[in-house]
């Protein structure tokens, strides 16, 4: 997962905090997935469901990017849904 694109000198304190928090969160998820079979099964089921939802949105005429943006909105905004 790419957390930063730019120059090191452009990182603000908020950017640094975001990178650190995201890295720690991803490490926790990784460790849980690696050592907790129930968590791994839950995550794999969630992933399969998300893939199905993306395919449904694409079938309704959305682009793959629009489908992902609808399912995982950024900044609380979603693109207009079709169908």
PDB file of N, CA and C in Angstrom:
ATOM      1  N   UNK A   1       0.850  -1.171   0.000  1.00  0.00           N
ATOM      2  CA  UNK A   1       0.000   0.000   0.000  1.00  0.00           C
ATOM      3  C   UNK A   1       0.894   1.231   0.000  1.00  0.00           C
ATOM      4  N   UNK A   2       0.658   2.096  -0.946  1.00  0.00           N
ATOM      5  CA  UNK A   2       1.434   3.329  -1.031  1.00  0.00           C
ATOM      6  C   UNK A   2       0.825   4.364  -0.087  1.00  0.00           C
ATOM      7  N   UNK A   3       1.622   4.835   0.863  1.00  0.00           N
ATOM      8  CA  UNK A   3       1.117   5.782   1.846  1.00  0.00           C
ATOM      9  C   UNK A   3       1.529   7.213   1.561  1.00  0.00           C
ATOM     10  N   UNK A   4       2.559   7.403   0.779  1.00  0.00           N
ATOM     11  CA  UNK A   4       3.022   8.759   0.511  1.00  0.00           C
ATOM     12  C   UNK A   4       3.680   8.811  -0.852  1.00  0.00           C
ATOM     13  N   UNK A   5       3.325   9.813  -1.645  1.00  0.00           N
ATOM     14  CA  UNK A   5       4.052  10.067  -2.889  1.00  0.00           C
ATOM     15  C   UNK A   5       4.410  11.540  -2.861  1.00  0.00           C
ATOM     16  N   UNK A   6       5.636  11.811  -2.966  1.00  0.00           N
ATOM     17  CA  UNK A   6       6.107  13.181  -2.870  1.00  0.00           C
ATOM     18  C   UNK A   6       7.508  13.195  -2.302  1.00  0.00           C
ATOM     19  N   UNK A   7       7.885  14.304  -1.759  1.00  0.00           N
ATOM     20  CA  UNK A   7       9.222  14.443  -1.216  1.00  0.00           C
ATOM     21  C   UNK A   7       9.171  14.464   0.302  1.00  0.00           C
ATOM     22  N   UNK A   8      10.207  13.918   0.899  1.00  0.00           N
ATOM     23  CA  UNK A   8      10.295  13.865   2.352  1.00  0.00           C
ATOM     24  C   UNK A   8      10.156  15.249   2.978  1.00  0.00           C
ATOM     25  N   UNK A   9      10.690  16.245   2.310  1.00  0.00           N
ATOM     26  CA  UNK A   9      10.642  17.605   2.847  1.00  0.00           C
ATOM     27  C   UNK A   9       9.229  18.186   2.842  1.00  0.00           C
ATOM     28  N   UNK A  10       8.316  17.582   2.071  1.00  0.00           N
ATOM     29  CA  UNK A  10       6.940  18.082   1.993  1.00  0.00           C
ATOM     30  C   UNK A  10       6.027  17.478   3.047  1.00  0.00           C
ATOM     31  N   UNK A  11       6.507  16.519   3.837  1.00  0.00           N
ATOM     32  CA  UNK A  11       5.671  15.880   4.848  1.00  0.00           C
ATOM     33  C   UNK A  11       5.373  16.841   5.987  1.00  0.00           C
ATOM     34  N   UNK A  12       4.103  17.018   6.262  1.00  0.00           N
ATOM     35  CA  UNK A  12       3.706  17.826   7.419  1.00  0.00           C
ATOM     36  C   UNK A  12       3.623  16.901   8.630  1.00  0.00           C
ATOM     37  N   UNK A  13       3.457  17.461   9.793  1.00  0.00           N
ATOM     38  CA  UNK A  13       3.296  16.647  11.007  1.00  0.00           C
ATOM     39  C   UNK A  13       2.056  15.753  10.874  1.00  0.00           C
ATOM     40  N   UNK A  14       0.989  16.298  10.271  1.00  0.00           N
ATOM     41  CA  UNK A  14      -0.233  15.515  10.059  1.00  0.00           C
ATOM     42  C   UNK A  14       0.023  14.342   9.111  1.00  0.00           C
ATOM     43  N   UNK A  15       0.803  14.587   8.039  1.00  0.00           N
ATOM     44  CA  UNK A  15       1.152  13.519   7.097  1.00  0.00           C
ATOM     45  C   UNK A  15       1.949  12.426   7.794  1.00  0.00           C
ATOM     46  N   UNK A  16       2.915  12.819   8.614  1.00  0.00           N
ATOM     47  CA  UNK A  16       3.734  11.844   9.335  1.00  0.00           C
ATOM     48  C   UNK A  16       2.871  11.015  10.280  1.00  0.00           C
ATOM     49  N   UNK A  17       1.966  11.673  10.996  1.00  0.00           N
ATOM     50  CA  UNK A  17       1.077  10.959  11.908  1.00  0.00           C
ATOM     51  C   UNK A  17       0.208   9.957  11.147  1.00  0.00           C
ATOM     52  N   UNK A  18      -0.291  10.368   9.973  1.00  0.00           N
ATOM     53  CA  UNK A  18      -1.098   9.482   9.145  1.00  0.00           C
ATOM     54  C   UNK A  18      -0.304   8.255   8.728  1.00  0.00           C
ATOM     55  N   UNK A  19       0.921   8.450   8.253  1.00  0.00           N
ATOM     56  CA  UNK A  19       1.753   7.335   7.801  1.00  0.00           C
ATOM     57  C   UNK A  19       2.028   6.377   8.958  1.00  0.00           C
ATOM     58  N   UNK A  20       2.377   6.915  10.112  1.00  0.00           N
ATOM     59  CA  UNK A  20       2.670   6.068  11.273  1.00  0.00           C
ATOM     60  C   UNK A  20       1.421   5.302  11.703  1.00  0.00           C
ATOM     61  N   UNK A  21       0.289   5.992  11.834  1.00  0.00           N
ATOM     62  CA  UNK A  21      -0.948   5.340  12.275  1.00  0.00           C
ATOM     63  C   UNK A  21      -1.388   4.263  11.290  1.00  0.00           C
ATOM     64  N   UNK A  22      -1.298   4.557  10.005  1.00  0.00           N
ATOM     65  CA  UNK A  22      -1.705   3.586   8.984  1.00  0.00           C
ATOM     66  C   UNK A  22      -0.780   2.380   8.987  1.00  0.00           C
ATOM     67  N   UNK A  23       0.518   2.615   9.119  1.00  0.00           N
ATOM     68  CA  UNK A  23       1.482   1.519   9.159  1.00  0.00           C
ATOM     69  C   UNK A  23       1.220   0.609  10.353  1.00  0.00           C
ATOM     70  N   UNK A  24       0.982   1.195  11.516  1.00  0.00           N
ATOM     71  CA  UNK A  24       0.699   0.389  12.710  1.00  0.00           C
ATOM     72  C   UNK A  24      -0.591  -0.405  12.552  1.00  0.00           C
ATOM     73  N   UNK A  25      -1.615   0.218  11.987  1.00  0.00           N
ATOM     74  CA  UNK A  25      -2.885  -0.464  11.772  1.00  0.00           C
ATOM     75  C   UNK A  25      -2.730  -1.640  10.802  1.00  0.00           C
ATOM     76  N   UNK A  26      -1.987  -1.416   9.726  1.00  0.00           N
ATOM     77  CA  UNK A  26      -1.755  -2.497   8.762  1.00  0.00           C
ATOM     78  C   UNK A  26      -0.956  -3.634   9.390  1.00  0.00           C
ATOM     79  N   UNK A  27       0.008  -3.312  10.242  1.00  0.00           N
ATOM     80  CA  UNK A  27       0.794  -4.349  10.907  1.00  0.00           C
ATOM     81  C   UNK A  27      -0.080  -5.175  11.844  1.00  0.00           C
ATOM     82  N   UNK A  28      -0.983  -4.509  12.571  1.00  0.00           N
ATOM     83  CA  UNK A  28      -1.898  -5.224  13.459  1.00  0.00           C
ATOM     84  C   UNK A  28      -2.799  -6.160  12.654  1.00  0.00           C
ATOM     85  N   UNK A  29      -3.356  -5.654  11.545  1.00  0.00           N
ATOM     86  CA  UNK A  29      -4.197  -6.492  10.689  1.00  0.00           C
ATOM     87  C   UNK A  29      -3.411  -7.677  10.150  1.00  0.00           C
ATOM     88  N   UNK A  30      -2.183  -7.434   9.727  1.00  0.00           N
ATOM     89  CA  UNK A  30      -1.327  -8.500   9.206  1.00  0.00           C
ATOM     90  C   UNK A  30      -1.104  -9.568  10.270  1.00  0.00           C
ATOM     91  N   UNK A  31      -0.757  -9.155  11.470  1.00  0.00           N
ATOM     92  CA  UNK A  31      -0.484 -10.107  12.545  1.00  0.00           C
ATOM     93  C   UNK A  31      -1.733 -10.911  12.911  1.00  0.00           C
ATOM     94  N   UNK A  32      -2.878 -10.231  12.961  1.00  0.00           N
ATOM     95  CA  UNK A  32      -4.127 -10.947  13.253  1.00  0.00           C
ATOM     96  C   UNK A  32      -4.438 -11.955  12.161  1.00  0.00           C
ATOM     97  N   UNK A  33      -4.268 -11.547  10.907  1.00  0.00           N
ATOM     98  CA  UNK A  33      -4.550 -12.443   9.794  1.00  0.00           C
ATOM     99  C   UNK A  33      -3.620 -13.652   9.841  1.00  0.00           C
ATOM    100  N   UNK A  34      -2.372 -13.421  10.192  1.00  0.00           N
ATOM    101  CA  UNK A  34      -1.374 -14.482  10.202  1.00  0.00           C
ATOM    102  C   UNK A  34      -1.611 -15.491  11.320  1.00  0.00           C
ATOM    103  N   UNK A  35      -2.020 -15.026  12.495  1.00  0.00           N
ATOM    104  CA  UNK A  35      -2.078 -15.896  13.672  1.00  0.00           C
ATOM    105  C   UNK A  35      -3.472 -16.234  14.165  1.00  0.00           C
ATOM    106  N   UNK A  36      -4.508 -15.660  13.580  1.00  0.00           N
ATOM    107  CA  UNK A  36      -5.873 -15.900  14.051  1.00  0.00           C
ATOM    108  C   UNK A  36      -6.721 -16.450  12.895  1.00  0.00           C
ATOM    109  N   UNK A  37      -6.912 -17.773  12.832  1.00  0.00           N
ATOM    110  CA  UNK A  37      -7.660 -18.366  11.713  1.00  0.00           C
ATOM    111  C   UNK A  37      -9.093 -17.839  11.583  1.00  0.00           C
ATOM    112  N   UNK A  38      -9.755 -17.556  12.696  1.00  0.00           N
ATOM    113  CA  UNK A  38     -11.137 -17.040  12.624  1.00  0.00           C
ATOM    114  C   UNK A  38     -11.150 -15.661  11.966  1.00  0.00           C
ATOM    115  N   UNK A  39     -10.197 -14.814  12.329  1.00  0.00           N
ATOM    116  CA  UNK A  39     -10.092 -13.487  11.717  1.00  0.00           C
ATOM    117  C   UNK A  39      -9.801 -13.608  10.227  1.00  0.00           C
ATOM    118  N   UNK A  40      -8.906 -14.521   9.872  1.00  0.00           N
ATOM    119  CA  UNK A  40      -8.552 -14.720   8.465  1.00  0.00           C
ATOM    120  C   UNK A  40      -9.782 -15.141   7.665  1.00  0.00           C
ATOM    121  N   UNK A  41     -10.579 -16.064   8.197  1.00  0.00           N
ATOM    122  CA  UNK A  41     -11.780 -16.514   7.490  1.00  0.00           C
ATOM    123  C   UNK A  41     -12.772 -15.370   7.324  1.00  0.00           C
ATOM    124  N   UNK A  42     -12.918 -14.560   8.370  1.00  0.00           N
ATOM    125  CA  UNK A  42     -13.828 -13.406   8.315  1.00  0.00           C
ATOM    126  C   UNK A  42     -13.383 -12.412   7.248  1.00  0.00           C
ATOM    127  N   UNK A  43     -12.095 -12.122   7.194  1.00  0.00           N
ATOM    128  CA  UNK A  43     -11.564 -11.187   6.202  1.00  0.00           C
ATOM    129  C   UNK A  43     -11.709 -11.729   4.783  1.00  0.00           C
ATOM    130  N   UNK A  44     -11.483 -13.011   4.597  1.00  0.00           N
ATOM    131  CA  UNK A  44     -11.628 -13.609   3.267  1.00  0.00           C
ATOM    132  C   UNK A  44     -13.088 -13.581   2.815  1.00  0.00           C
ATOM    133  N   UNK A  45     -14.019 -13.798   3.732  1.00  0.00           N
ATOM    134  CA  UNK A  45     -15.452 -13.720   3.402  1.00  0.00           C
ATOM    135  C   UNK A  45     -15.827 -12.288   3.030  1.00  0.00           C
ATOM    136  N   UNK A  46     -15.308 -11.312   3.793  1.00  0.00           N
ATOM    137  CA  UNK A  46     -15.582  -9.903   3.501  1.00  0.00           C
ATOM    138  C   UNK A  46     -15.029  -9.529   2.120  1.00  0.00           C
ATOM    139  N   UNK A  47     -13.850 -10.016   1.803  1.00  0.00           N
ATOM    140  CA  UNK A  47     -13.235  -9.725   0.508  1.00  0.00           C
ATOM    141  C   UNK A  47     -14.082 -10.299  -0.632  1.00  0.00           C
ATOM    142  N   UNK A  48     -14.547 -11.527  -0.468  1.00  0.00           N
ATOM    143  CA  UNK A  48     -15.376 -12.149  -1.506  1.00  0.00           C
ATOM    144  C   UNK A  48     -16.672 -11.367  -1.697  1.00  0.00           C
ATOM    145  N   UNK A  49     -17.291 -10.927  -0.594  1.00  0.00           N
ATOM    146  CA  UNK A  49     -18.529 -10.143  -0.682  1.00  0.00           C
ATOM    147  C   UNK A  49     -18.267  -8.824  -1.399  1.00  0.00           C
ATOM    148  N   UNK A  50     -17.162  -8.152  -1.075  1.00  0.00           N
ATOM    149  CA  UNK A  50     -16.826  -6.885  -1.726  1.00  0.00           C
ATOM    150  C   UNK A  50     -16.620  -7.078  -3.221  1.00  0.00           C
ATOM    151  N   UNK A  51     -15.969  -8.164  -3.606  1.00  0.00           N
ATOM    152  CA  UNK A  51     -15.763  -8.435  -5.036  1.00  0.00           C
ATOM    153  C   UNK A  51     -17.095  -8.613  -5.745  1.00  0.00           C
ATOM    154  N   UNK A  52     -18.041  -9.306  -5.100  1.00  0.00           N
ATOM    155  CA  UNK A  52     -19.369  -9.495  -5.698  1.00  0.00           C
ATOM    156  C   UNK A  52     -20.086  -8.158  -5.851  1.00  0.00           C
ATOM    157  N   UNK A  53     -20.000  -7.306  -4.839  1.00  0.00           N
ATOM    158  CA  UNK A  53     -20.648  -6.004  -4.898  1.00  0.00           C
ATOM    159  C   UNK A  53     -20.044  -5.143  -6.009  1.00  0.00           C
ATOM    160  N   UNK A  54     -18.736  -5.191  -6.169  1.00  0.00           N
ATOM    161  CA  UNK A  54     -18.075  -4.441  -7.241  1.00  0.00           C
ATOM    162  C   UNK A  54     -18.563  -4.932  -8.596  1.00  0.00           C
ATOM    163  N   UNK A  55     -18.665  -6.250  -8.773  1.00  0.00           N
ATOM    164  CA  UNK A  55     -19.137  -6.799 -10.047  1.00  0.00           C
ATOM    165  C   UNK A  55     -20.582  -6.374 -10.338  1.00  0.00           C
ATOM    166  N   UNK A  56     -21.425  -6.307  -9.311  1.00  0.00           N
ATOM    167  CA  UNK A  56     -22.816  -5.858  -9.508  1.00  0.00           C
ATOM    168  C   UNK A  56     -22.849  -4.406  -9.990  1.00  0.00           C
ATOM    169  N   UNK A  57     -22.029  -3.553  -9.377  1.00  0.00           N
ATOM    170  CA  UNK A  57     -21.999  -2.145  -9.771  1.00  0.00           C
ATOM    171  C   UNK A  57     -21.456  -1.978 -11.192  1.00  0.00           C
ATOM    172  N   UNK A  58     -20.478  -2.773 -11.559  1.00  0.00           N
ATOM    173  CA  UNK A  58     -19.946  -2.726 -12.925  1.00  0.00           C
ATOM    174  C   UNK A  58     -21.026  -3.164 -13.911  1.00  0.00           C
ATOM    175  N   UNK A  59     -21.799  -4.191 -13.544  1.00  0.00           N
ATOM    176  CA  UNK A  59     -22.881  -4.659 -14.416  1.00  0.00           C
ATOM    177  C   UNK A  59     -23.946  -3.585 -14.602  1.00  0.00           C
ATOM    178  N   UNK A  60     -24.090  -2.680 -13.627  1.00  0.00           N
ATOM    179  CA  UNK A  60     -25.053  -1.581 -13.742  1.00  0.00           C
ATOM    180  C   UNK A  60     -24.511  -0.411 -14.560  1.00  0.00           C
ATOM    181  N   UNK A  61     -23.250  -0.515 -15.013  1.00  0.00           N
ATOM    182  CA  UNK A  61     -22.696   0.519 -15.883  1.00  0.00           C
ATOM    183  C   UNK A  61     -21.608   1.378 -15.273  1.00  0.00           C
ATOM    184  N   UNK A  62     -21.233   1.114 -14.041  1.00  0.00           N
ATOM    185  CA  UNK A  62     -20.147   1.869 -13.416  1.00  0.00           C
ATOM    186  C   UNK A  62     -18.801   1.356 -13.911  1.00  0.00           C
ATOM    187  N   UNK A  63     -17.821   2.213 -13.894  1.00  0.00           N
ATOM    188  CA  UNK A  63     -16.457   1.769 -14.158  1.00  0.00           C
ATOM    189  C   UNK A  63     -15.956   1.063 -12.904  1.00  0.00           C
ATOM    190  N   UNK A  64     -14.908   0.249 -13.017  1.00  0.00           N
ATOM    191  CA  UNK A  64     -14.360  -0.377 -11.810  1.00  0.00           C
ATOM    192  C   UNK A  64     -13.970   0.645 -10.739  1.00  0.00           C
ATOM    193  N   UNK A  65     -13.402   1.763 -11.152  1.00  0.00           N
ATOM    194  CA  UNK A  65     -12.993   2.794 -10.183  1.00  0.00           C
ATOM    195  C   UNK A  65     -14.208   3.395  -9.475  1.00  0.00           C
ATOM    196  N   UNK A  66     -15.274   3.658 -10.236  1.00  0.00           N
ATOM    197  CA  UNK A  66     -16.498   4.189  -9.629  1.00  0.00           C
ATOM    198  C   UNK A  66     -17.086   3.189  -8.632  1.00  0.00           C
ATOM    199  N   UNK A  67     -17.064   1.910  -9.000  1.00  0.00           N
ATOM    200  CA  UNK A  67     -17.604   0.875  -8.116  1.00  0.00           C
ATOM    201  C   UNK A  67     -16.845   0.848  -6.793  1.00  0.00           C
ATOM    202  N   UNK A  68     -15.530   0.925  -6.857  1.00  0.00           N
ATOM    203  CA  UNK A  68     -14.720   0.935  -5.639  1.00  0.00           C
ATOM    204  C   UNK A  68     -15.009   2.189  -4.825  1.00  0.00           C
ATOM    205  N   UNK A  69     -15.136   3.331  -5.495  1.00  0.00           N
ATOM    206  CA  UNK A  69     -15.420   4.582  -4.783  1.00  0.00           C
ATOM    207  C   UNK A  69     -16.794   4.551  -4.106  1.00  0.00           C
ATOM    208  N   UNK A  70     -17.756   3.875  -4.709  1.00  0.00           N
ATOM    209  CA  UNK A  70     -19.085   3.763  -4.104  1.00  0.00           C
ATOM    210  C   UNK A  70     -19.021   2.888  -2.851  1.00  0.00           C
ATOM    211  N   UNK A  71     -18.318   1.772  -2.946  1.00  0.00           N
ATOM    212  CA  UNK A  71     -18.230   0.872  -1.797  1.00  0.00           C
ATOM    213  C   UNK A  71     -17.329   1.403  -0.694  1.00  0.00           C
ATOM    214  N   UNK A  72     -16.302   2.137  -1.067  1.00  0.00           N
ATOM    215  CA  UNK A  72     -15.333   2.641  -0.095  1.00  0.00           C
ATOM    216  C   UNK A  72     -15.159   4.146  -0.302  1.00  0.00           C
ATOM    217  N   UNK A  73     -16.157   4.926   0.125  1.00  0.00           N
ATOM    218  CA  UNK A  73     -16.109   6.378  -0.108  1.00  0.00           C
ATOM    219  C   UNK A  73     -14.944   7.038   0.624  1.00  0.00           C
ATOM    220  N   UNK A  74     -14.397   8.035  -0.034  1.00  0.00           N
ATOM    221  CA  UNK A  74     -13.334   8.836   0.572  1.00  0.00           C
ATOM    222  C   UNK A  74     -13.922  10.177   0.970  1.00  0.00           C
ATOM    223  N   UNK A  75     -13.584  10.640   2.136  1.00  0.00           N
ATOM    224  CA  UNK A  75     -14.047  11.943   2.632  1.00  0.00           C
ATOM    225  C   UNK A  75     -15.567  12.013   2.689  1.00  0.00           C
ATOM    226  N   UNK A  76     -16.220  10.868   2.876  1.00  0.00           N
ATOM    227  CA  UNK A  76     -17.663  10.876   3.029  1.00  0.00           C
ATOM    228  C   UNK A  76     -18.446  11.132   1.754  1.00  0.00           C
ATOM    229  N   UNK A  77     -17.773  11.177   0.601  1.00  0.00           N
ATOM    230  CA  UNK A  77     -18.465  11.445  -0.658  1.00  0.00           C
ATOM    231  C   UNK A  77     -18.451  10.207  -1.529  1.00  0.00           C
ATOM    232  N   UNK A  78     -19.554   9.964  -2.203  1.00  0.00           N
ATOM    233  CA  UNK A  78     -19.618   8.875  -3.165  1.00  0.00           C
ATOM    234  C   UNK A  78     -20.053   9.437  -4.499  1.00  0.00           C
ATOM    235  N   UNK A  79     -19.594   8.825  -5.591  1.00  0.00           N
ATOM    236  CA  UNK A  79     -20.079   9.270  -6.914  1.00  0.00           C
ATOM    237  C   UNK A  79     -21.555   8.891  -7.064  1.00  0.00           C
ATOM    238  N   UNK A  80     -22.190   9.507  -8.005  1.00  0.00           N
ATOM    239  CA  UNK A  80     -23.609   9.227  -8.247  1.00  0.00           C
ATOM    240  C   UNK A  80     -23.788   7.767  -8.609  1.00  0.00           C
ATOM    241  N   UNK A  81     -24.734   7.102  -7.956  1.00  0.00           N
ATOM    242  CA  UNK A  81     -24.983   5.701  -8.247  1.00  0.00           C
ATOM    243  C   UNK A  81     -25.969   5.565  -9.390  1.00  0.00           C
ATOM    244  N   UNK A  82     -25.734   4.577 -10.230  1.00  0.00           N
ATOM    245  CA  UNK A  82     -26.625   4.302 -11.354  1.00  0.00           C
ATOM    246  C   UNK A  82     -27.511   3.118 -11.012  1.00  0.00           C
ATOM    247  N   UNK A  83     -28.578   2.988 -11.806  1.00  0.00           N
ATOM    248  CA  UNK A  83     -29.417   1.805 -11.698  1.00  0.00           C
ATOM    249  C   UNK A  83     -30.338   1.774 -10.594  1.00  0.00           C
TER     250      UNK A  83
END
